[in-house]
Amino acid sequence: MELISKILITIVALEHLYILYMEMFAWETLGKKTFRTIPAELFKSTKSLAANQGLYNGFLSAGLIWSLFIADKAWSGNVAAFFLGCVIVAGIYGALSAARRIFFVQALPAIIALVFVLLR
């Protein structure tokens, strides 16, 4: 269970590093491909807003990565659970406010990882 939970935490962390990259550095290229419902002319004017969102995704990723390096099993699990919980809340909110698929892309992997964290 320990190894599986660490692999799942790593996957969620990498996903959020990718989101950080897309929103902070590739908003006008990858962002357009990812968010096709947003009119193309809005990407330039929303670049700083997307970068701010990307920064928050970076914080989520940093917390998850930090949890992987904590030697104490209980403390590591608590930190991982907190940051996975944040990802889950963000994913549910995104699914309710923006697009349903955000739940499956963002929240569901974090839910699965959290289950394995709690089982270890």
N, C-alpha and C. Protein backbone atom coordinates (compact mmCIF):
# COMPACT_ATOMS: atom_id res chain seq x y z
N MET A 1 0.82 -1.20 0.00
CA MET A 1 0.00 0.00 0.00
C MET A 1 0.86 1.26 0.00
N GLU A 2 1.96 1.20 0.73
CA GLU A 2 2.85 2.36 0.84
C GLU A 2 3.36 2.78 -0.53
N LEU A 3 3.87 1.81 -1.29
CA LEU A 3 4.42 2.11 -2.61
C LEU A 3 3.34 2.62 -3.55
N ILE A 4 2.17 1.99 -3.53
CA ILE A 4 1.08 2.42 -4.41
C ILE A 4 0.65 3.84 -4.07
N SER A 5 0.55 4.16 -2.78
CA SER A 5 0.14 5.52 -2.40
C SER A 5 1.17 6.54 -2.85
N LYS A 6 2.46 6.20 -2.74
CA LYS A 6 3.50 7.14 -3.18
C LYS A 6 3.48 7.33 -4.70
N ILE A 7 3.23 6.26 -5.43
CA ILE A 7 3.12 6.38 -6.89
C ILE A 7 1.93 7.26 -7.26
N LEU A 8 0.80 7.05 -6.62
CA LEU A 8 -0.40 7.86 -6.91
C LEU A 8 -0.21 9.32 -6.52
N ILE A 9 0.43 9.57 -5.38
CA ILE A 9 0.74 10.95 -4.98
C ILE A 9 1.64 11.60 -6.02
N THR A 10 2.63 10.86 -6.50
CA THR A 10 3.55 11.38 -7.52
C THR A 10 2.80 11.72 -8.80
N ILE A 11 1.87 10.88 -9.20
CA ILE A 11 1.09 11.14 -10.42
C ILE A 11 0.28 12.43 -10.26
N VAL A 12 -0.38 12.59 -9.12
CA VAL A 12 -1.18 13.81 -8.88
C VAL A 12 -0.25 15.03 -8.85
N ALA A 13 0.90 14.90 -8.21
CA ALA A 13 1.86 16.02 -8.15
C ALA A 13 2.35 16.39 -9.54
N LEU A 14 2.67 15.40 -10.35
CA LEU A 14 3.13 15.67 -11.72
C LEU A 14 2.04 16.33 -12.57
N GLU A 15 0.81 15.89 -12.36
CA GLU A 15 -0.31 16.51 -13.08
C GLU A 15 -0.39 18.00 -12.75
N HIS A 16 -0.20 18.33 -11.49
CA HIS A 16 -0.30 19.73 -11.09
C HIS A 16 0.94 20.54 -11.51
N LEU A 17 2.08 19.89 -11.64
CA LEU A 17 3.24 20.57 -12.23
C LEU A 17 2.97 20.88 -13.70
N TYR A 18 2.32 19.95 -14.40
CA TYR A 18 1.96 20.18 -15.79
C TYR A 18 0.97 21.36 -15.90
N ILE A 19 -0.02 21.38 -15.01
CA ILE A 19 -0.98 22.48 -15.01
C ILE A 19 -0.27 23.80 -14.73
N LEU A 20 0.67 23.79 -13.77
CA LEU A 20 1.48 24.98 -13.50
C LEU A 20 2.16 25.45 -14.77
N TYR A 21 2.82 24.53 -15.46
CA TYR A 21 3.53 24.89 -16.70
C TYR A 21 2.57 25.48 -17.73
N MET A 22 1.45 24.80 -17.93
CA MET A 22 0.50 25.26 -18.95
C MET A 22 -0.04 26.65 -18.61
N GLU A 23 -0.45 26.84 -17.36
CA GLU A 23 -1.08 28.11 -17.00
C GLU A 23 -0.09 29.25 -16.82
N MET A 24 1.13 28.95 -16.42
CA MET A 24 2.11 30.03 -16.20
C MET A 24 2.96 30.34 -17.43
N PHE A 25 3.27 29.32 -18.23
CA PHE A 25 4.24 29.52 -19.29
C PHE A 25 3.73 29.20 -20.70
N ALA A 26 2.63 28.49 -20.81
CA ALA A 26 2.14 28.09 -22.14
C ALA A 26 0.64 28.35 -22.28
N TRP A 27 0.15 29.38 -21.62
CA TRP A 27 -1.28 29.68 -21.63
C TRP A 27 -1.80 29.96 -23.02
N GLU A 28 -1.03 30.69 -23.82
CA GLU A 28 -1.51 31.08 -25.15
C GLU A 28 -1.31 29.98 -26.19
N THR A 29 -0.64 28.89 -25.84
CA THR A 29 -0.47 27.78 -26.77
C THR A 29 -1.21 26.54 -26.26
N LEU A 30 -0.69 25.91 -25.20
CA LEU A 30 -1.36 24.73 -24.63
C LEU A 30 -2.71 25.06 -24.04
N GLY A 31 -2.82 26.25 -23.44
CA GLY A 31 -4.10 26.67 -22.87
C GLY A 31 -5.20 26.70 -23.90
N LYS A 32 -4.89 27.22 -25.08
CA LYS A 32 -5.88 27.27 -26.16
C LYS A 32 -6.32 25.87 -26.59
N LYS A 33 -5.36 24.95 -26.62
CA LYS A 33 -5.69 23.57 -27.02
C LYS A 33 -6.50 22.85 -25.95
N THR A 34 -6.24 23.18 -24.69
CA THR A 34 -6.91 22.51 -23.59
C THR A 34 -8.30 23.07 -23.33
N PHE A 35 -8.40 24.39 -23.34
CA PHE A 35 -9.67 25.07 -23.03
C PHE A 35 -10.28 25.63 -24.31
N ARG A 36 -10.81 24.74 -25.12
CA ARG A 36 -11.33 25.12 -26.44
C ARG A 36 -12.61 25.94 -26.38
N THR A 37 -13.29 25.93 -25.24
CA THR A 37 -14.53 26.69 -25.14
C THR A 37 -14.28 28.18 -24.88
N ILE A 38 -13.06 28.53 -24.51
CA ILE A 38 -12.72 29.94 -24.28
C ILE A 38 -12.36 30.55 -25.64
N PRO A 39 -12.94 31.68 -25.98
CA PRO A 39 -12.60 32.33 -27.25
C PRO A 39 -11.10 32.65 -27.32
N ALA A 40 -10.49 32.40 -28.46
CA ALA A 40 -9.04 32.55 -28.65
C ALA A 40 -8.54 33.94 -28.29
N GLU A 41 -9.35 34.96 -28.54
CA GLU A 41 -8.91 36.33 -28.28
C GLU A 41 -8.78 36.65 -26.78
N LEU A 42 -9.32 35.80 -25.92
CA LEU A 42 -9.25 36.05 -24.48
C LEU A 42 -7.96 35.55 -23.82
N PHE A 43 -7.21 34.70 -24.51
CA PHE A 43 -6.03 34.12 -23.88
C PHE A 43 -4.95 35.15 -23.56
N LYS A 44 -4.74 36.09 -24.43
CA LYS A 44 -3.72 37.11 -24.17
C LYS A 44 -4.11 37.97 -22.96
N SER A 45 -5.37 38.38 -22.90
CA SER A 45 -5.80 39.26 -21.81
C SER A 45 -5.96 38.53 -20.47
N THR A 46 -6.04 37.21 -20.50
CA THR A 46 -6.20 36.45 -19.24
C THR A 46 -4.91 35.74 -18.83
N LYS A 47 -3.82 36.09 -19.49
CA LYS A 47 -2.55 35.42 -19.21
C LYS A 47 -2.12 35.55 -17.75
N SER A 48 -2.24 36.73 -17.17
CA SER A 48 -1.81 36.90 -15.77
C SER A 48 -2.75 36.18 -14.80
N LEU A 49 -4.04 36.11 -15.13
CA LEU A 49 -4.97 35.35 -14.30
C LEU A 49 -4.65 33.87 -14.32
N ALA A 50 -4.34 33.36 -15.49
CA ALA A 50 -3.97 31.94 -15.61
C ALA A 50 -2.67 31.66 -14.87
N ALA A 51 -1.72 32.58 -14.96
CA ALA A 51 -0.45 32.40 -14.25
C ALA A 51 -0.67 32.32 -12.75
N ASN A 52 -1.59 33.12 -12.24
CA ASN A 52 -1.91 33.07 -10.82
C ASN A 52 -2.49 31.70 -10.45
N GLN A 53 -3.38 31.19 -11.27
CA GLN A 53 -3.93 29.85 -11.04
C GLN A 53 -2.83 28.81 -11.10
N GLY A 54 -1.92 28.96 -12.04
CA GLY A 54 -0.81 28.03 -12.16
C GLY A 54 0.06 28.00 -10.92
N LEU A 55 0.26 29.16 -10.33
CA LEU A 55 1.06 29.25 -9.11
C LEU A 55 0.42 28.43 -7.99
N TYR A 56 -0.90 28.53 -7.86
CA TYR A 56 -1.60 27.74 -6.85
C TYR A 56 -1.46 26.24 -7.11
N ASN A 57 -1.52 25.84 -8.37
CA ASN A 57 -1.30 24.43 -8.70
C ASN A 57 0.11 24.01 -8.34
N GLY A 58 1.06 24.91 -8.47
CA GLY A 58 2.43 24.63 -8.07
C GLY A 58 2.54 24.39 -6.57
N PHE A 59 1.80 25.18 -5.79
CA PHE A 59 1.80 24.98 -4.34
C PHE A 59 1.23 23.60 -3.97
N LEU A 60 0.17 23.20 -4.65
CA LEU A 60 -0.40 21.87 -4.40
C LEU A 60 0.62 20.79 -4.72
N SER A 61 1.28 20.93 -5.85
CA SER A 61 2.30 19.96 -6.24
C SER A 61 3.46 19.94 -5.25
N ALA A 62 3.90 21.11 -4.82
CA ALA A 62 5.01 21.19 -3.86
C ALA A 62 4.64 20.48 -2.55
N GLY A 63 3.43 20.67 -2.09
CA GLY A 63 3.00 20.01 -0.86
C GLY A 63 2.97 18.49 -1.01
N LEU A 64 2.50 18.03 -2.15
CA LEU A 64 2.46 16.58 -2.38
C LEU A 64 3.87 16.01 -2.47
N ILE A 65 4.75 16.71 -3.16
CA ILE A 65 6.15 16.25 -3.26
C ILE A 65 6.80 16.27 -1.88
N TRP A 66 6.54 17.30 -1.11
CA TRP A 66 7.07 17.39 0.26
C TRP A 66 6.65 16.16 1.07
N SER A 67 5.39 15.75 0.92
CA SER A 67 4.90 14.60 1.70
C SER A 67 5.68 13.33 1.38
N LEU A 68 6.24 13.24 0.19
CA LEU A 68 7.00 12.05 -0.20
C LEU A 68 8.36 11.97 0.49
N PHE A 69 8.85 13.10 0.98
CA PHE A 69 10.18 13.15 1.59
C PHE A 69 10.15 13.18 3.12
N ILE A 70 8.98 13.12 3.69
CA ILE A 70 8.87 13.12 5.15
C ILE A 70 9.05 11.69 5.64
N ALA A 71 10.01 11.49 6.51
CA ALA A 71 10.35 10.13 6.98
C ALA A 71 9.29 9.54 7.89
N ASP A 72 8.70 10.34 8.74
CA ASP A 72 7.68 9.84 9.67
C ASP A 72 6.41 9.50 8.90
N LYS A 73 6.01 8.23 8.97
CA LYS A 73 4.87 7.74 8.18
C LYS A 73 3.56 8.49 8.49
N ALA A 74 3.30 8.73 9.77
CA ALA A 74 2.06 9.42 10.15
C ALA A 74 2.06 10.86 9.66
N TRP A 75 3.16 11.55 9.86
CA TRP A 75 3.27 12.95 9.42
C TRP A 75 3.18 13.05 7.91
N SER A 76 3.87 12.14 7.21
CA SER A 76 3.81 12.11 5.74
C SER A 76 2.39 11.89 5.25
N GLY A 77 1.68 10.96 5.89
CA GLY A 77 0.28 10.69 5.52
C GLY A 77 -0.62 11.88 5.76
N ASN A 78 -0.41 12.58 6.87
CA ASN A 78 -1.23 13.75 7.18
C ASN A 78 -1.00 14.87 6.16
N VAL A 79 0.25 15.12 5.82
CA VAL A 79 0.56 16.17 4.84
C VAL A 79 -0.01 15.78 3.47
N ALA A 80 0.18 14.53 3.07
CA ALA A 80 -0.37 14.07 1.79
C ALA A 80 -1.89 14.19 1.78
N ALA A 81 -2.53 13.77 2.88
CA ALA A 81 -4.00 13.84 2.96
C ALA A 81 -4.48 15.28 2.85
N PHE A 82 -3.79 16.20 3.50
CA PHE A 82 -4.19 17.61 3.42
C PHE A 82 -4.12 18.12 1.98
N PHE A 83 -2.99 17.91 1.32
CA PHE A 83 -2.85 18.44 -0.04
C PHE A 83 -3.73 17.70 -1.04
N LEU A 84 -3.91 16.40 -0.87
CA LEU A 84 -4.86 15.69 -1.73
C LEU A 84 -6.27 16.20 -1.50
N GLY A 85 -6.61 16.49 -0.26
CA GLY A 85 -7.92 17.08 0.04
C GLY A 85 -8.11 18.42 -0.67
N CYS A 86 -7.07 19.23 -0.68
CA CYS A 86 -7.13 20.51 -1.40
C CYS A 86 -7.37 20.29 -2.88
N VAL A 87 -6.67 19.32 -3.46
CA VAL A 87 -6.85 19.00 -4.88
C VAL A 87 -8.28 18.52 -5.13
N ILE A 88 -8.80 17.70 -4.25
CA ILE A 88 -10.16 17.17 -4.40
C ILE A 88 -11.18 18.31 -4.37
N VAL A 89 -11.05 19.21 -3.40
CA VAL A 89 -11.98 20.34 -3.30
C VAL A 89 -11.89 21.21 -4.56
N ALA A 90 -10.66 21.49 -5.00
CA ALA A 90 -10.49 22.29 -6.22
C ALA A 90 -11.10 21.59 -7.43
N GLY A 91 -10.92 20.28 -7.51
CA GLY A 91 -11.48 19.52 -8.64
C GLY A 91 -12.99 19.49 -8.63
N ILE A 92 -13.57 19.34 -7.46
CA ILE A 92 -15.04 19.35 -7.35
C ILE A 92 -15.57 20.73 -7.70
N TYR A 93 -14.93 21.76 -7.18
CA TYR A 93 -15.38 23.12 -7.49
C TYR A 93 -15.26 23.39 -8.99
N GLY A 94 -14.15 22.98 -9.59
CA GLY A 94 -13.97 23.16 -11.03
C GLY A 94 -15.02 22.41 -11.83
N ALA A 95 -15.37 21.22 -11.37
CA ALA A 95 -16.40 20.43 -12.06
C ALA A 95 -17.77 21.10 -11.97
N LEU A 96 -18.06 21.70 -10.83
CA LEU A 96 -19.35 22.36 -10.65
C LEU A 96 -19.41 23.72 -11.34
N SER A 97 -18.28 24.42 -11.41
CA SER A 97 -18.30 25.79 -11.92
C SER A 97 -17.81 25.95 -13.35
N ALA A 98 -17.03 24.99 -13.84
CA ALA A 98 -16.45 25.17 -15.18
C ALA A 98 -16.79 24.03 -16.12
N ALA A 99 -16.28 22.84 -15.85
CA ALA A 99 -16.51 21.70 -16.74
C ALA A 99 -16.52 20.41 -15.93
N ARG A 100 -17.48 19.56 -16.22
CA ARG A 100 -17.63 18.31 -15.49
C ARG A 100 -16.39 17.41 -15.56
N ARG A 101 -15.69 17.47 -16.68
CA ARG A 101 -14.53 16.59 -16.87
C ARG A 101 -13.41 16.90 -15.89
N ILE A 102 -13.41 18.09 -15.29
CA ILE A 102 -12.39 18.44 -14.30
C ILE A 102 -12.45 17.46 -13.12
N PHE A 103 -13.64 17.01 -12.79
CA PHE A 103 -13.75 16.03 -11.71
C PHE A 103 -12.94 14.78 -12.03
N PHE A 104 -13.07 14.28 -13.26
CA PHE A 104 -12.40 13.04 -13.65
C PHE A 104 -10.91 13.22 -13.85
N VAL A 105 -10.51 14.39 -14.30
CA VAL A 105 -9.09 14.65 -14.57
C VAL A 105 -8.33 15.04 -13.30
N GLN A 106 -8.98 15.79 -12.43
CA GLN A 106 -8.28 16.35 -11.27
C GLN A 106 -8.71 15.70 -9.96
N ALA A 107 -9.98 15.68 -9.67
CA ALA A 107 -10.45 15.21 -8.36
C ALA A 107 -10.36 13.69 -8.21
N LEU A 108 -10.78 12.96 -9.22
CA LEU A 108 -10.81 11.50 -9.10
C LEU A 108 -9.43 10.88 -8.84
N PRO A 109 -8.39 11.27 -9.57
CA PRO A 109 -7.06 10.72 -9.23
C PRO A 109 -6.65 11.04 -7.79
N ALA A 110 -6.98 12.23 -7.32
CA ALA A 110 -6.64 12.61 -5.94
C ALA A 110 -7.46 11.80 -4.94
N ILE A 111 -8.71 11.52 -5.26
CA ILE A 111 -9.55 10.69 -4.38
C ILE A 111 -8.96 9.29 -4.26
N ILE A 112 -8.58 8.73 -5.39
CA ILE A 112 -7.98 7.38 -5.39
C ILE A 112 -6.68 7.39 -4.57
N ALA A 113 -5.85 8.40 -4.79
CA ALA A 113 -4.59 8.50 -4.02
C ALA A 113 -4.89 8.64 -2.54
N LEU A 114 -5.88 9.44 -2.18
CA LEU A 114 -6.23 9.63 -0.77
C LEU A 114 -6.69 8.32 -0.12
N VAL A 115 -7.46 7.54 -0.85
CA VAL A 115 -7.90 6.24 -0.33
C VAL A 115 -6.69 5.38 0.02
N PHE A 116 -5.70 5.35 -0.88
CA PHE A 116 -4.52 4.54 -0.63
C PHE A 116 -3.65 5.12 0.50
N VAL A 117 -3.62 6.43 0.63
CA VAL A 117 -2.91 7.05 1.75
C VAL A 117 -3.56 6.64 3.07
N LEU A 118 -4.88 6.66 3.12
CA LEU A 118 -5.60 6.32 4.34
C LEU A 118 -5.51 4.83 4.67
N LEU A 119 -5.29 3.99 3.67
CA LEU A 119 -5.20 2.54 3.89
C LEU A 119 -3.80 2.09 4.32
N ARG A 120 -2.80 2.94 4.16
CA ARG A 120 -1.44 2.47 4.45
C ARG A 120 -1.13 2.45 5.92
